[in-house]
Amino acid sequence: MIEKSITDTSAMPLSPEALAGLGGGEIAYLRTIRSEDVPRLFPQAPQIAPGLTLFTLHAADGTPIMLTDSREAALANASEHE
């Protein structure tokens, strides 16, 4: 019989600095957002019609990097800037 133990793997809170350092600038993630959220994430962006589904690329620390209307474009940009 194989015995397995369960270990508490509760995540320890990371500081923003520690989170920013994860992956040495090599980790990013993609999010789907509504156009109504654009001004909060990208204050410099022009006004966009409400009700659109858009895609954002974010650094590991949550910093928005890119906004696009194409999931494929966001993934291509992430791959291009590995």
PDB file of N, CA and C in Angstrom:
ATOM      1  N   MET A   1       0.845  -1.175   0.000  1.00  0.00           N
ATOM      2  CA  MET A   1       0.000   0.000   0.000  1.00  0.00           C
ATOM      3  C   MET A   1       0.891   1.240   0.000  1.00  0.00           C
ATOM      4  N   ILE A   2       0.548   2.185  -0.855  1.00  0.00           N
ATOM      5  CA  ILE A   2       1.294   3.439  -0.934  1.00  0.00           C
ATOM      6  C   ILE A   2       0.598   4.464  -0.056  1.00  0.00           C
ATOM      7  N   GLU A   3       1.376   5.081   0.792  1.00  0.00           N
ATOM      8  CA  GLU A   3       0.823   6.089   1.683  1.00  0.00           C
ATOM      9  C   GLU A   3       1.219   7.473   1.182  1.00  0.00           C
ATOM     10  N   LYS A   4       0.239   8.345   1.074  1.00  0.00           N
ATOM     11  CA  LYS A   4       0.505   9.714   0.637  1.00  0.00           C
ATOM     12  C   LYS A   4       0.087  10.665   1.742  1.00  0.00           C
ATOM     13  N   SER A   5       0.823  11.710   1.889  1.00  0.00           N
ATOM     14  CA  SER A   5       0.436  12.714   2.871  1.00  0.00           C
ATOM     15  C   SER A   5       0.024  13.984   2.140  1.00  0.00           C
ATOM     16  N   ILE A   6      -0.837  14.713   2.770  1.00  0.00           N
ATOM     17  CA  ILE A   6      -1.298  15.976   2.211  1.00  0.00           C
ATOM     18  C   ILE A   6      -0.577  17.089   2.949  1.00  0.00           C
ATOM     19  N   THR A   7       0.009  17.966   2.190  1.00  0.00           N
ATOM     20  CA  THR A   7       0.732  19.091   2.766  1.00  0.00           C
ATOM     21  C   THR A   7      -0.052  20.363   2.504  1.00  0.00           C
ATOM     22  N   ASP A   8      -0.107  21.219   3.507  1.00  0.00           N
ATOM     23  CA  ASP A   8      -0.775  22.505   3.336  1.00  0.00           C
ATOM     24  C   ASP A   8       0.028  23.340   2.348  1.00  0.00           C
ATOM     25  N   THR A   9      -0.590  23.634   1.224  1.00  0.00           N
ATOM     26  CA  THR A   9       0.101  24.425   0.200  1.00  0.00           C
ATOM     27  C   THR A   9      -0.533  25.805   0.059  1.00  0.00           C
ATOM     28  N   SER A  10      -1.127  26.285   1.144  1.00  0.00           N
ATOM     29  CA  SER A  10      -1.728  27.618   1.105  1.00  0.00           C
ATOM     30  C   SER A  10      -0.694  28.621   0.631  1.00  0.00           C
ATOM     31  N   ALA A  11      -1.107  29.428  -0.273  1.00  0.00           N
ATOM     32  CA  ALA A  11      -0.186  30.423  -0.828  1.00  0.00           C
ATOM     33  C   ALA A  11       0.111  31.496   0.209  1.00  0.00           C
ATOM     34  N   MET A  12       1.372  31.828   0.298  1.00  0.00           N
ATOM     35  CA  MET A  12       1.756  32.946   1.154  1.00  0.00           C
ATOM     36  C   MET A  12       1.563  34.213   0.339  1.00  0.00           C
ATOM     37  N   PRO A  13       1.036  35.259   0.968  1.00  0.00           N
ATOM     38  CA  PRO A  13       0.845  36.500   0.216  1.00  0.00           C
ATOM     39  C   PRO A  13       2.178  37.030  -0.316  1.00  0.00           C
ATOM     40  N   LEU A  14       2.153  37.484  -1.559  1.00  0.00           N
ATOM     41  CA  LEU A  14       3.344  38.069  -2.174  1.00  0.00           C
ATOM     42  C   LEU A  14       3.204  39.583  -2.191  1.00  0.00           C
ATOM     43  N   SER A  15       4.292  40.252  -1.923  1.00  0.00           N
ATOM     44  CA  SER A  15       4.287  41.711  -2.037  1.00  0.00           C
ATOM     45  C   SER A  15       4.238  42.059  -3.523  1.00  0.00           C
ATOM     46  N   PRO A  16       3.802  43.278  -3.855  1.00  0.00           N
ATOM     47  CA  PRO A  16       3.816  43.681  -5.267  1.00  0.00           C
ATOM     48  C   PRO A  16       5.206  43.566  -5.889  1.00  0.00           C
ATOM     49  N   GLU A  17       6.229  43.853  -5.095  1.00  0.00           N
ATOM     50  CA  GLU A  17       7.600  43.759  -5.604  1.00  0.00           C
ATOM     51  C   GLU A  17       7.973  42.312  -5.920  1.00  0.00           C
ATOM     52  N   ALA A  18       7.592  41.394  -5.018  1.00  0.00           N
ATOM     53  CA  ALA A  18       7.893  39.979  -5.239  1.00  0.00           C
ATOM     54  C   ALA A  18       7.121  39.457  -6.444  1.00  0.00           C
ATOM     55  N   LEU A  19       5.860  39.870  -6.560  1.00  0.00           N
ATOM     56  CA  LEU A  19       5.045  39.439  -7.691  1.00  0.00           C
ATOM     57  C   LEU A  19       5.626  39.961  -9.000  1.00  0.00           C
ATOM     58  N   ALA A  20       6.066  41.215  -8.993  1.00  0.00           N
ATOM     59  CA  ALA A  20       6.653  41.807 -10.201  1.00  0.00           C
ATOM     60  C   ALA A  20       7.907  41.069 -10.626  1.00  0.00           C
ATOM     61  N   GLY A  21       8.626  40.506  -9.666  1.00  0.00           N
ATOM     62  CA  GLY A  21       9.867  39.805  -9.974  1.00  0.00           C
ATOM     63  C   GLY A  21       9.679  38.381 -10.444  1.00  0.00           C
ATOM     64  N   LEU A  22       8.467  37.853 -10.333  1.00  0.00           N
ATOM     65  CA  LEU A  22       8.225  36.476 -10.769  1.00  0.00           C
ATOM     66  C   LEU A  22       8.531  36.327 -12.248  1.00  0.00           C
ATOM     67  N   GLY A  23       9.309  35.359 -12.572  1.00  0.00           N
ATOM     68  CA  GLY A  23       9.605  35.075 -13.970  1.00  0.00           C
ATOM     69  C   GLY A  23      10.570  36.046 -14.616  1.00  0.00           C
ATOM     70  N   GLY A  24      11.125  36.960 -13.852  1.00  0.00           N
ATOM     71  CA  GLY A  24      12.107  37.893 -14.401  1.00  0.00           C
ATOM     72  C   GLY A  24      11.612  38.633 -15.629  1.00  0.00           C
ATOM     73  N   GLY A  25      10.347  39.054 -15.625  1.00  0.00           N
ATOM     74  CA  GLY A  25       9.793  39.755 -16.776  1.00  0.00           C
ATOM     75  C   GLY A  25       9.402  38.827 -17.911  1.00  0.00           C
ATOM     76  N   GLU A  26       9.409  37.528 -17.658  1.00  0.00           N
ATOM     77  CA  GLU A  26       9.118  36.534 -18.697  1.00  0.00           C
ATOM     78  C   GLU A  26       7.702  35.971 -18.597  1.00  0.00           C
ATOM     79  N   ILE A  27       6.954  36.347 -17.552  1.00  0.00           N
ATOM     80  CA  ILE A  27       5.615  35.788 -17.361  1.00  0.00           C
ATOM     81  C   ILE A  27       4.575  36.867 -17.623  1.00  0.00           C
ATOM     82  N   ALA A  28       3.564  36.512 -18.393  1.00  0.00           N
ATOM     83  CA  ALA A  28       2.450  37.410 -18.672  1.00  0.00           C
ATOM     84  C   ALA A  28       1.184  36.568 -18.747  1.00  0.00           C
ATOM     85  N   TYR A  29       0.053  37.239 -18.666  1.00  0.00           N
ATOM     86  CA  TYR A  29      -1.211  36.516 -18.801  1.00  0.00           C
ATOM     87  C   TYR A  29      -2.191  37.342 -19.612  1.00  0.00           C
ATOM     88  N   LEU A  30      -3.170  36.661 -20.166  1.00  0.00           N
ATOM     89  CA  LEU A  30      -4.168  37.255 -21.040  1.00  0.00           C
ATOM     90  C   LEU A  30      -5.496  37.303 -20.302  1.00  0.00           C
ATOM     91  N   ARG A  31      -6.199  38.426 -20.422  1.00  0.00           N
ATOM     92  CA  ARG A  31      -7.525  38.564 -19.820  1.00  0.00           C
ATOM     93  C   ARG A  31      -8.518  39.041 -20.865  1.00  0.00           C
ATOM     94  N   THR A  32      -9.748  38.597 -20.716  1.00  0.00           N
ATOM     95  CA  THR A  32     -10.847  39.118 -21.516  1.00  0.00           C
ATOM     96  C   THR A  32     -11.510  40.210 -20.688  1.00  0.00           C
ATOM     97  N   ILE A  33     -11.741  41.371 -21.300  1.00  0.00           N
ATOM     98  CA  ILE A  33     -12.402  42.467 -20.592  1.00  0.00           C
ATOM     99  C   ILE A  33     -13.504  43.046 -21.469  1.00  0.00           C
ATOM    100  N   ARG A  34     -14.326  43.883 -20.869  1.00  0.00           N
ATOM    101  CA  ARG A  34     -15.346  44.627 -21.604  1.00  0.00           C
ATOM    102  C   ARG A  34     -14.785  46.007 -21.919  1.00  0.00           C
ATOM    103  N   SER A  35     -15.244  46.605 -22.987  1.00  0.00           N
ATOM    104  CA  SER A  35     -14.733  47.922 -23.373  1.00  0.00           C
ATOM    105  C   SER A  35     -14.985  48.972 -22.289  1.00  0.00           C
ATOM    106  N   GLU A  36     -15.971  48.762 -21.442  1.00  0.00           N
ATOM    107  CA  GLU A  36     -16.241  49.695 -20.347  1.00  0.00           C
ATOM    108  C   GLU A  36     -15.100  49.736 -19.326  1.00  0.00           C
ATOM    109  N   ASP A  37     -14.264  48.689 -19.288  1.00  0.00           N
ATOM    110  CA  ASP A  37     -13.139  48.623 -18.348  1.00  0.00           C
ATOM    111  C   ASP A  37     -11.865  49.277 -18.884  1.00  0.00           C
ATOM    112  N   VAL A  38     -11.849  49.630 -20.152  1.00  0.00           N
ATOM    113  CA  VAL A  38     -10.631  50.165 -20.776  1.00  0.00           C
ATOM    114  C   VAL A  38     -10.112  51.428 -20.087  1.00  0.00           C
ATOM    115  N   PRO A  39     -10.942  52.429 -19.788  1.00  0.00           N
ATOM    116  CA  PRO A  39     -10.398  53.653 -19.174  1.00  0.00           C
ATOM    117  C   PRO A  39      -9.671  53.400 -17.846  1.00  0.00           C
ATOM    118  N   ARG A  40     -10.101  52.423 -17.086  1.00  0.00           N
ATOM    119  CA  ARG A  40      -9.460  52.107 -15.814  1.00  0.00           C
ATOM    120  C   ARG A  40      -8.081  51.491 -16.030  1.00  0.00           C
ATOM    121  N   LEU A  41      -7.965  50.613 -17.010  1.00  0.00           N
ATOM    122  CA  LEU A  41      -6.707  49.913 -17.264  1.00  0.00           C
ATOM    123  C   LEU A  41      -5.769  50.687 -18.188  1.00  0.00           C
ATOM    124  N   PHE A  42      -6.346  51.400 -19.140  1.00  0.00           N
ATOM    125  CA  PHE A  42      -5.564  52.145 -20.137  1.00  0.00           C
ATOM    126  C   PHE A  42      -6.116  53.569 -20.232  1.00  0.00           C
ATOM    127  N   PRO A  43      -5.804  54.426 -19.248  1.00  0.00           N
ATOM    128  CA  PRO A  43      -6.386  55.776 -19.243  1.00  0.00           C
ATOM    129  C   PRO A  43      -6.059  56.596 -20.489  1.00  0.00           C
ATOM    130  N   GLN A  44      -4.970  56.282 -21.160  1.00  0.00           N
ATOM    131  CA  GLN A  44      -4.556  57.037 -22.344  1.00  0.00           C
ATOM    132  C   GLN A  44      -5.267  56.571 -23.617  1.00  0.00           C
ATOM    133  N   ALA A  45      -6.005  55.486 -23.549  1.00  0.00           N
ATOM    134  CA  ALA A  45      -6.678  54.941 -24.738  1.00  0.00           C
ATOM    135  C   ALA A  45      -7.820  55.857 -25.173  1.00  0.00           C
ATOM    136  N   PRO A  46      -8.076  55.910 -26.472  1.00  0.00           N
ATOM    137  CA  PRO A  46      -9.221  56.699 -26.947  1.00  0.00           C
ATOM    138  C   PRO A  46     -10.528  56.059 -26.475  1.00  0.00           C
ATOM    139  N   GLN A  47     -11.595  56.817 -26.542  1.00  0.00           N
ATOM    140  CA  GLN A  47     -12.899  56.299 -26.130  1.00  0.00           C
ATOM    141  C   GLN A  47     -13.298  55.154 -27.061  1.00  0.00           C
ATOM    142  N   ILE A  48     -13.805  54.084 -26.465  1.00  0.00           N
ATOM    143  CA  ILE A  48     -14.196  52.895 -27.229  1.00  0.00           C
ATOM    144  C   ILE A  48     -15.679  52.640 -26.982  1.00  0.00           C
ATOM    145  N   ALA A  49     -16.382  52.237 -28.019  1.00  0.00           N
ATOM    146  CA  ALA A  49     -17.810  51.962 -27.902  1.00  0.00           C
ATOM    147  C   ALA A  49     -18.074  50.935 -26.803  1.00  0.00           C
ATOM    148  N   PRO A  50     -19.137  51.116 -26.033  1.00  0.00           N
ATOM    149  CA  PRO A  50     -19.460  50.152 -24.977  1.00  0.00           C
ATOM    150  C   PRO A  50     -19.944  48.821 -25.553  1.00  0.00           C
ATOM    151  N   GLY A  51     -19.802  47.778 -24.752  1.00  0.00           N
ATOM    152  CA  GLY A  51     -20.332  46.469 -25.112  1.00  0.00           C
ATOM    153  C   GLY A  51     -19.409  45.576 -25.907  1.00  0.00           C
ATOM    154  N   LEU A  52     -18.167  46.014 -26.131  1.00  0.00           N
ATOM    155  CA  LEU A  52     -17.226  45.199 -26.904  1.00  0.00           C
ATOM    156  C   LEU A  52     -16.430  44.268 -25.993  1.00  0.00           C
ATOM    157  N   THR A  53     -16.093  43.100 -26.507  1.00  0.00           N
ATOM    158  CA  THR A  53     -15.191  42.186 -25.816  1.00  0.00           C
ATOM    159  C   THR A  53     -13.794  42.432 -26.348  1.00  0.00           C
ATOM    160  N   LEU A  54     -12.859  42.698 -25.428  1.00  0.00           N
ATOM    161  CA  LEU A  54     -11.476  42.989 -25.792  1.00  0.00           C
ATOM    162  C   LEU A  54     -10.543  42.079 -25.008  1.00  0.00           C
ATOM    163  N   PHE A  55      -9.270  42.111 -25.368  1.00  0.00           N
ATOM    164  CA  PHE A  55      -8.271  41.257 -24.721  1.00  0.00           C
ATOM    165  C   PHE A  55      -7.110  42.119 -24.259  1.00  0.00           C
ATOM    166  N   THR A  56      -6.637  41.851 -23.050  1.00  0.00           N
ATOM    167  CA  THR A  56      -5.489  42.576 -22.513  1.00  0.00           C
ATOM    168  C   THR A  56      -4.395  41.586 -22.149  1.00  0.00           C
ATOM    169  N   LEU A  57      -3.185  42.014 -22.386  1.00  0.00           N
ATOM    170  CA  LEU A  57      -2.005  41.255 -21.981  1.00  0.00           C
ATOM    171  C   LEU A  57      -1.434  41.980 -20.773  1.00  0.00           C
ATOM    172  N   HIS A  58      -1.169  41.231 -19.693  1.00  0.00           N
ATOM    173  CA  HIS A  58      -0.681  41.807 -18.440  1.00  0.00           C
ATOM    174  C   HIS A  58       0.627  41.152 -18.031  1.00  0.00           C
ATOM    175  N   ALA A  59       1.504  41.943 -17.402  1.00  0.00           N
ATOM    176  CA  ALA A  59       2.713  41.397 -16.784  1.00  0.00           C
ATOM    177  C   ALA A  59       2.294  40.602 -15.547  1.00  0.00           C
ATOM    178  N   ALA A  60       3.188  39.795 -15.013  1.00  0.00           N
ATOM    179  CA  ALA A  60       2.887  38.962 -13.847  1.00  0.00           C
ATOM    180  C   ALA A  60       2.343  39.775 -12.680  1.00  0.00           C
ATOM    181  N   ASP A  61       2.780  41.024 -12.541  1.00  0.00           N
ATOM    182  CA  ASP A  61       2.318  41.854 -11.428  1.00  0.00           C
ATOM    183  C   ASP A  61       0.989  42.542 -11.713  1.00  0.00           C
ATOM    184  N   GLY A  62       0.394  42.277 -12.870  1.00  0.00           N
ATOM    185  CA  GLY A  62      -0.899  42.855 -13.213  1.00  0.00           C
ATOM    186  C   GLY A  62      -0.828  44.114 -14.057  1.00  0.00           C
ATOM    187  N   THR A  63       0.362  44.608 -14.316  1.00  0.00           N
ATOM    188  CA  THR A  63       0.512  45.810 -15.135  1.00  0.00           C
ATOM    189  C   THR A  63       0.019  45.538 -16.552  1.00  0.00           C
ATOM    190  N   PRO A  64      -0.952  46.331 -17.040  1.00  0.00           N
ATOM    191  CA  PRO A  64      -1.426  46.130 -18.407  1.00  0.00           C
ATOM    192  C   PRO A  64      -0.331  46.467 -19.417  1.00  0.00           C
ATOM    193  N   ILE A  65      -0.173  45.604 -20.404  1.00  0.00           N
ATOM    194  CA  ILE A  65       0.855  45.781 -21.429  1.00  0.00           C
ATOM    195  C   ILE A  65       0.237  46.141 -22.772  1.00  0.00           C
ATOM    196  N   MET A  66      -0.856  45.473 -23.107  1.00  0.00           N
ATOM    197  CA  MET A  66      -1.411  45.604 -24.453  1.00  0.00           C
ATOM    198  C   MET A  66      -2.921  45.435 -24.424  1.00  0.00           C
ATOM    199  N   LEU A  67      -3.610  46.148 -25.305  1.00  0.00           N
ATOM    200  CA  LEU A  67      -5.053  46.048 -25.485  1.00  0.00           C
ATOM    201  C   LEU A  67      -5.319  45.758 -26.953  1.00  0.00           C
ATOM    202  N   THR A  68      -6.187  44.783 -27.223  1.00  0.00           N
ATOM    203  CA  THR A  68      -6.515  44.439 -28.606  1.00  0.00           C
ATOM    204  C   THR A  68      -7.921  43.845 -28.668  1.00  0.00           C
ATOM    205  N   ASP A  69      -8.471  43.810 -29.866  1.00  0.00           N
ATOM    206  CA  ASP A  69      -9.776  43.168 -30.048  1.00  0.00           C
ATOM    207  C   ASP A  69      -9.626  41.731 -30.535  1.00  0.00           C
ATOM    208  N   SER A  70      -8.392  41.254 -30.582  1.00  0.00           N
ATOM    209  CA  SER A  70      -8.119  39.911 -31.087  1.00  0.00           C
ATOM    210  C   SER A  70      -7.274  39.115 -30.094  1.00  0.00           C
ATOM    211  N   ARG A  71      -7.801  37.994 -29.667  1.00  0.00           N
ATOM    212  CA  ARG A  71      -7.047  37.116 -28.762  1.00  0.00           C
ATOM    213  C   ARG A  71      -5.753  36.664 -29.433  1.00  0.00           C
ATOM    214  N   GLU A  72      -5.843  36.351 -30.708  1.00  0.00           N
ATOM    215  CA  GLU A  72      -4.680  35.884 -31.457  1.00  0.00           C
ATOM    216  C   GLU A  72      -3.582  36.949 -31.498  1.00  0.00           C
ATOM    217  N   ALA A  73      -3.973  38.216 -31.655  1.00  0.00           N
ATOM    218  CA  ALA A  73      -2.987  39.300 -31.685  1.00  0.00           C
ATOM    219  C   ALA A  73      -2.285  39.435 -30.336  1.00  0.00           C
ATOM    220  N   ALA A  74      -3.029  39.295 -29.250  1.00  0.00           N
ATOM    221  CA  ALA A  74      -2.426  39.379 -27.917  1.00  0.00           C
ATOM    222  C   ALA A  74      -1.441  38.237 -27.699  1.00  0.00           C
ATOM    223  N   LEU A  75      -1.821  37.032 -28.103  1.00  0.00           N
ATOM    224  CA  LEU A  75      -0.925  35.879 -27.950  1.00  0.00           C
ATOM    225  C   LEU A  75       0.308  36.021 -28.840  1.00  0.00           C
ATOM    226  N   ALA A  76       0.112  36.522 -30.053  1.00  0.00           N
ATOM    227  CA  ALA A  76       1.247  36.711 -30.960  1.00  0.00           C
ATOM    228  C   ALA A  76       2.214  37.743 -30.393  1.00  0.00           C
ATOM    229  N   ASN A  77       1.680  38.817 -29.809  1.00  0.00           N
ATOM    230  CA  ASN A  77       2.537  39.843 -29.222  1.00  0.00           C
ATOM    231  C   ASN A  77       3.324  39.275 -28.050  1.00  0.00           C
ATOM    232  N   ALA A  78       2.679  38.462 -27.235  1.00  0.00           N
ATOM    233  CA  ALA A  78       3.374  37.848 -26.097  1.00  0.00           C
ATOM    234  C   ALA A  78       4.492  36.937 -26.588  1.00  0.00           C
ATOM    235  N   SER A  79       4.218  36.151 -27.610  1.00  0.00           N
ATOM    236  CA  SER A  79       5.228  35.238 -28.152  1.00  0.00           C
ATOM    237  C   SER A  79       6.378  35.998 -28.797  1.00  0.00           C
ATOM    238  N   GLU A  80       6.052  37.082 -29.475  1.00  0.00           N
ATOM    239  CA  GLU A  80       7.056  37.875 -30.175  1.00  0.00           C
ATOM    240  C   GLU A  80       8.027  38.552 -29.208  1.00  0.00           C
ATOM    241  N   HIS A  81       7.549  38.863 -28.009  1.00  0.00           N
ATOM    242  CA  HIS A  81       8.375  39.574 -27.031  1.00  0.00           C
ATOM    243  C   HIS A  81       8.808  38.677 -25.888  1.00  0.00           C
ATOM    244  N   GLU A  82       9.028  37.405 -26.170  1.00  0.00           N
ATOM    245  CA  GLU A  82       9.455  36.461 -25.134  1.00  0.00           C
ATOM    246  C   GLU A  82      10.624  37.004 -24.441  1.00  0.00           C
TER     247      GLU A  82
END
